[in-house]
C-alpha atoms as a PDB file:
ATOM      1  CA  UNK A   1      21.483 -57.938 -34.819  1.00  0.00           C
ATOM      2  CA  UNK A   2      17.662 -57.859 -34.516  1.00  0.00           C
ATOM      3  CA  UNK A   3      15.500 -55.220 -35.508  1.00  0.00           C
ATOM      4  CA  UNK A   4      14.891 -53.880 -32.074  1.00  0.00           C
ATOM      5  CA  UNK A   5      18.679 -53.794 -31.372  1.00  0.00           C
ATOM      6  CA  UNK A   6      19.198 -51.819 -34.671  1.00  0.00           C
ATOM      7  CA  UNK A   7      16.506 -49.437 -33.578  1.00  0.00           C
ATOM      8  CA  UNK A   8      17.982 -49.109 -30.186  1.00  0.00           C
ATOM      9  CA  UNK A   9      21.572 -48.515 -31.641  1.00  0.00           C
ATOM     10  CA  UNK A  10      20.016 -45.624 -33.773  1.00  0.00           C
ATOM     11  CA  UNK A  11      18.581 -43.985 -30.691  1.00  0.00           C
ATOM     12  CA  UNK A  12      21.892 -44.041 -28.657  1.00  0.00           C
ATOM     13  CA  UNK A  13      24.068 -41.093 -29.237  1.00  0.00           C
ATOM     14  CA  UNK A  14      27.898 -41.530 -29.739  1.00  0.00           C
ATOM     15  CA  UNK A  15      28.431 -38.216 -27.834  1.00  0.00           C
ATOM     16  CA  UNK A  16      29.282 -39.060 -24.308  1.00  0.00           C
ATOM     17  CA  UNK A  17      28.103 -35.471 -23.349  1.00  0.00           C
ATOM     18  CA  UNK A  18      24.711 -35.884 -25.026  1.00  0.00           C
ATOM     19  CA  UNK A  19      21.727 -35.326 -22.553  1.00  0.00           C
ATOM     20  CA  UNK A  20      18.792 -37.264 -23.575  1.00  0.00           C
ATOM     21  CA  UNK A  21      15.372 -35.592 -23.768  1.00  0.00           C
ATOM     22  CA  UNK A  22      12.217 -36.968 -22.360  1.00  0.00           C
ATOM     23  CA  UNK A  23      10.892 -37.987 -25.724  1.00  0.00           C
ATOM     24  CA  UNK A  24      14.334 -39.780 -26.513  1.00  0.00           C
ATOM     25  CA  UNK A  25      14.155 -41.755 -23.173  1.00  0.00           C
ATOM     26  CA  UNK A  26      10.627 -42.623 -23.808  1.00  0.00           C
ATOM     27  CA  UNK A  27      11.675 -44.068 -27.290  1.00  0.00           C
ATOM     28  CA  UNK A  28      14.571 -45.910 -25.651  1.00  0.00           C
ATOM     29  CA  UNK A  29      12.322 -47.241 -22.937  1.00  0.00           C
ATOM     30  CA  UNK A  30       9.920 -48.727 -25.561  1.00  0.00           C
ATOM     31  CA  UNK A  31      12.886 -50.944 -26.801  1.00  0.00           C
ATOM     32  CA  UNK A  32      14.774 -51.551 -23.654  1.00  0.00           C
ATOM     33  CA  UNK A  33      13.395 -50.383 -20.159  1.00  0.00           C
ATOM     34  CA  UNK A  34      16.489 -51.167 -18.266  1.00  0.00           C
ATOM     35  CA  UNK A  35      18.799 -49.116 -20.687  1.00  0.00           C
ATOM     36  CA  UNK A  36      16.367 -46.177 -20.362  1.00  0.00           C
ATOM     37  CA  UNK A  37      16.509 -46.400 -16.490  1.00  0.00           C
ATOM     38  CA  UNK A  38      20.246 -46.567 -16.562  1.00  0.00           C
ATOM     39  CA  UNK A  39      20.494 -43.465 -18.738  1.00  0.00           C
ATOM     40  CA  UNK A  40      18.153 -41.424 -16.583  1.00  0.00           C
ATOM     41  CA  UNK A  41      19.735 -42.472 -13.442  1.00  0.00           C
ATOM     42  CA  UNK A  42      23.204 -41.504 -14.974  1.00  0.00           C
ATOM     43  CA  UNK A  43      21.901 -38.188 -16.245  1.00  0.00           C
ATOM     44  CA  UNK A  44      20.263 -37.493 -12.818  1.00  0.00           C
ATOM     45  CA  UNK A  45      23.477 -38.157 -11.004  1.00  0.00           C
ATOM     46  CA  UNK A  46      25.380 -35.872 -13.316  1.00  0.00           C
ATOM     47  CA  UNK A  47      22.768 -33.244 -12.898  1.00  0.00           C
ATOM     48  CA  UNK A  48      23.116 -33.395  -9.026  1.00  0.00           C
ATOM     49  CA  UNK A  49      26.990 -32.988  -9.356  1.00  0.00           C
ATOM     50  CA  UNK A  50      26.499 -29.894 -11.487  1.00  0.00           C
ATOM     51  CA  UNK A  51      24.030 -28.396  -9.077  1.00  0.00           C
ATOM     52  CA  UNK A  52      27.093 -28.266  -6.667  1.00  0.00           C
ATOM     53  CA  UNK A  53      28.703 -25.855  -9.341  1.00  0.00           C
ATOM     54  CA  UNK A  54      25.628 -23.606  -9.795  1.00  0.00           C
ATOM     55  CA  UNK A  55      26.926 -21.190  -7.076  1.00  0.00           C
ATOM     56  CA  UNK A  56      29.963 -20.250  -9.100  1.00  0.00           C
ATOM     57  CA  UNK A  57      27.398 -18.561 -11.422  1.00  0.00           C
ATOM     58  CA  UNK A  58      25.746 -15.254 -10.709  1.00  0.00           C
ATOM     59  CA  UNK A  59      22.380 -15.316  -8.898  1.00  0.00           C
ATOM     60  CA  UNK A  60      19.893 -15.923 -11.636  1.00  0.00           C
ATOM     61  CA  UNK A  61      17.686 -13.132 -12.940  1.00  0.00           C
ATOM     62  CA  UNK A  62      13.911 -13.597 -13.459  1.00  0.00           C
ATOM     63  CA  UNK A  63      13.846 -13.059 -17.173  1.00  0.00           C
ATOM     64  CA  UNK A  64      16.389 -16.007 -17.747  1.00  0.00           C
ATOM     65  CA  UNK A  65      14.306 -18.121 -15.526  1.00  0.00           C
ATOM     66  CA  UNK A  66      11.129 -17.286 -17.338  1.00  0.00           C
ATOM     67  CA  UNK A  67      12.732 -18.505 -20.635  1.00  0.00           C
ATOM     68  CA  UNK A  68      13.476 -21.758 -19.143  1.00  0.00           C
ATOM     69  CA  UNK A  69       9.963 -22.090 -17.667  1.00  0.00           C
ATOM     70  CA  UNK A  70       8.585 -21.300 -21.181  1.00  0.00           C
ATOM     71  CA  UNK A  71      10.458 -24.031 -22.823  1.00  0.00           C
ATOM     72  CA  UNK A  72       9.376 -26.441 -20.035  1.00  0.00           C
ATOM     73  CA  UNK A  73       5.810 -25.413 -20.403  1.00  0.00           C
ATOM     74  CA  UNK A  74       6.094 -26.431 -24.116  1.00  0.00           C
ATOM     75  CA  UNK A  75       7.308 -29.918 -23.127  1.00  0.00           C
ATOM     76  CA  UNK A  76       4.818 -30.500 -20.226  1.00  0.00           C
ATOM     77  CA  UNK A  77       1.891 -29.310 -22.472  1.00  0.00           C
ATOM     78  CA  UNK A  78       2.454 -32.310 -24.685  1.00  0.00           C
ATOM     79  CA  UNK A  79       0.997 -34.428 -22.020  1.00  0.00           C
ATOM     80  CA  UNK A  80      -1.528 -31.935 -20.836  1.00  0.00           C
ATOM     81  CA  UNK A  81       0.463 -30.280 -18.261  1.00  0.00           C
ATOM     82  CA  UNK A  82       1.310 -26.737 -17.492  1.00  0.00           C
ATOM     83  CA  UNK A  83       3.747 -24.775 -15.166  1.00  0.00           C
ATOM     84  CA  UNK A  84       3.607 -21.431 -13.606  1.00  0.00           C
ATOM     85  CA  UNK A  85       6.546 -19.420 -12.273  1.00  0.00           C
ATOM     86  CA  UNK A  86       5.551 -18.341  -8.761  1.00  0.00           C
ATOM     87  CA  UNK A  87       8.712 -16.579  -7.796  1.00  0.00           C
ATOM     88  CA  UNK A  88      12.541 -16.647  -7.476  1.00  0.00           C
ATOM     89  CA  UNK A  89      14.076 -16.809  -3.955  1.00  0.00           C
ATOM     90  CA  UNK A  90      18.012 -16.519  -4.400  1.00  0.00           C
ATOM     91  CA  UNK A  91      18.970 -19.559  -6.265  1.00  0.00           C
ATOM     92  CA  UNK A  92      15.598 -21.387  -5.926  1.00  0.00           C
ATOM     93  CA  UNK A  93      12.880 -21.236  -8.381  1.00  0.00           C
ATOM     94  CA  UNK A  94       9.313 -21.668  -7.093  1.00  0.00           C
ATOM     95  CA  UNK A  95       6.715 -22.947  -9.516  1.00  0.00           C
ATOM     96  CA  UNK A  96       3.343 -24.414  -9.549  1.00  0.00           C
ATOM     97  CA  UNK A  97       2.563 -27.555 -11.590  1.00  0.00           C
ATOM     98  CA  UNK A  98      -0.770 -27.395 -13.260  1.00  0.00           C
ATOM     99  CA  UNK A  99      -3.028 -29.395 -15.475  1.00  0.00           C
ATOM    100  CA  UNK A 100      -2.224 -33.045 -15.804  1.00  0.00           C
ATOM    101  CA  UNK A 101       1.001 -32.394 -13.890  1.00  0.00           C
ATOM    102  CA  UNK A 102      -0.693 -31.211 -10.752  1.00  0.00           C
ATOM    103  CA  UNK A 103      -1.737 -34.916  -9.630  1.00  0.00           C
ATOM    104  CA  UNK A 104       0.725 -36.844 -11.870  1.00  0.00           C
ATOM    105  CA  UNK A 105       3.092 -39.178  -9.967  1.00  0.00           C
ATOM    106  CA  UNK A 106       5.812 -38.390 -12.393  1.00  0.00           C
ATOM    107  CA  UNK A 107       5.556 -34.619 -11.734  1.00  0.00           C
ATOM    108  CA  UNK A 108       8.387 -34.692  -9.079  1.00  0.00           C
ATOM    109  CA  UNK A 109      10.663 -36.419 -11.617  1.00  0.00           C
ATOM    110  CA  UNK A 110       9.740 -34.109 -14.374  1.00  0.00           C
ATOM    111  CA  UNK A 111      10.387 -31.130 -12.120  1.00  0.00           C
ATOM    112  CA  UNK A 112      13.964 -32.344 -11.505  1.00  0.00           C
ATOM    113  CA  UNK A 113      14.728 -33.873 -14.968  1.00  0.00           C
ATOM    114  CA  UNK A 114      12.798 -31.572 -17.280  1.00  0.00           C
ATOM    115  CA  UNK A 115      12.092 -28.322 -15.671  1.00  0.00           C
ATOM    116  CA  UNK A 116      15.434 -27.905 -13.698  1.00  0.00           C
ATOM    117  CA  UNK A 117      17.457 -28.715 -16.721  1.00  0.00           C
ATOM    118  CA  UNK A 118      15.714 -26.342 -18.928  1.00  0.00           C
ATOM    119  CA  UNK A 119      15.771 -23.581 -16.350  1.00  0.00           C
ATOM    120  CA  UNK A 120      19.405 -24.155 -15.693  1.00  0.00           C
ATOM    121  CA  UNK A 121      20.144 -23.858 -19.515  1.00  0.00           C
ATOM    122  CA  UNK A 122      19.065 -20.253 -19.339  1.00  0.00           C
ATOM    123  CA  UNK A 123      20.013 -19.529 -15.770  1.00  0.00           C
ATOM    124  CA  UNK A 124      23.006 -21.693 -14.641  1.00  0.00           C
ATOM    125  CA  UNK A 125      22.941 -20.149 -11.221  1.00  0.00           C
ATOM    126  CA  UNK A 126      19.693 -21.855 -10.359  1.00  0.00           C
ATOM    127  CA  UNK A 127      20.180 -24.593  -7.638  1.00  0.00           C
ATOM    128  CA  UNK A 128      16.699 -26.000  -7.232  1.00  0.00           C
ATOM    129  CA  UNK A 129      13.037 -25.896  -8.642  1.00  0.00           C
ATOM    130  CA  UNK A 130      10.402 -26.450  -5.945  1.00  0.00           C
ATOM    131  CA  UNK A 131       6.748 -27.064  -6.555  1.00  0.00           C
ATOM    132  CA  UNK A 132       4.387 -24.910  -4.246  1.00  0.00           C
ATOM    133  CA  UNK A 133       0.839 -26.012  -3.820  1.00  0.00           C
END
């Protein structure tokens, strides 16, 4: 096995429930772009399925949503981005992407893969996160 295959194997989790972070996906992408895309796609599909289950949880409360937004802010700030919680309307969180995220073509993907996942960890009743301009 080559060095890149060994490095790739070290990045792949044995846990089938493992949710790869943005940093983990970036590291995998450096070694195998196709593998990173497949993992990201699979995670996205699982996340969409889980959204259907969100309504079984209580309507989220703003403090829980803020905790998730704060975590997302720390992830986004690594690339010069920022996020502001605008409001909570039922099960939908309204945010404004700022800084480098404001004009980034990846911001829509970050919103769904990073922000929504982190917000739902604290407020599982959230169904969607929407960027307002």
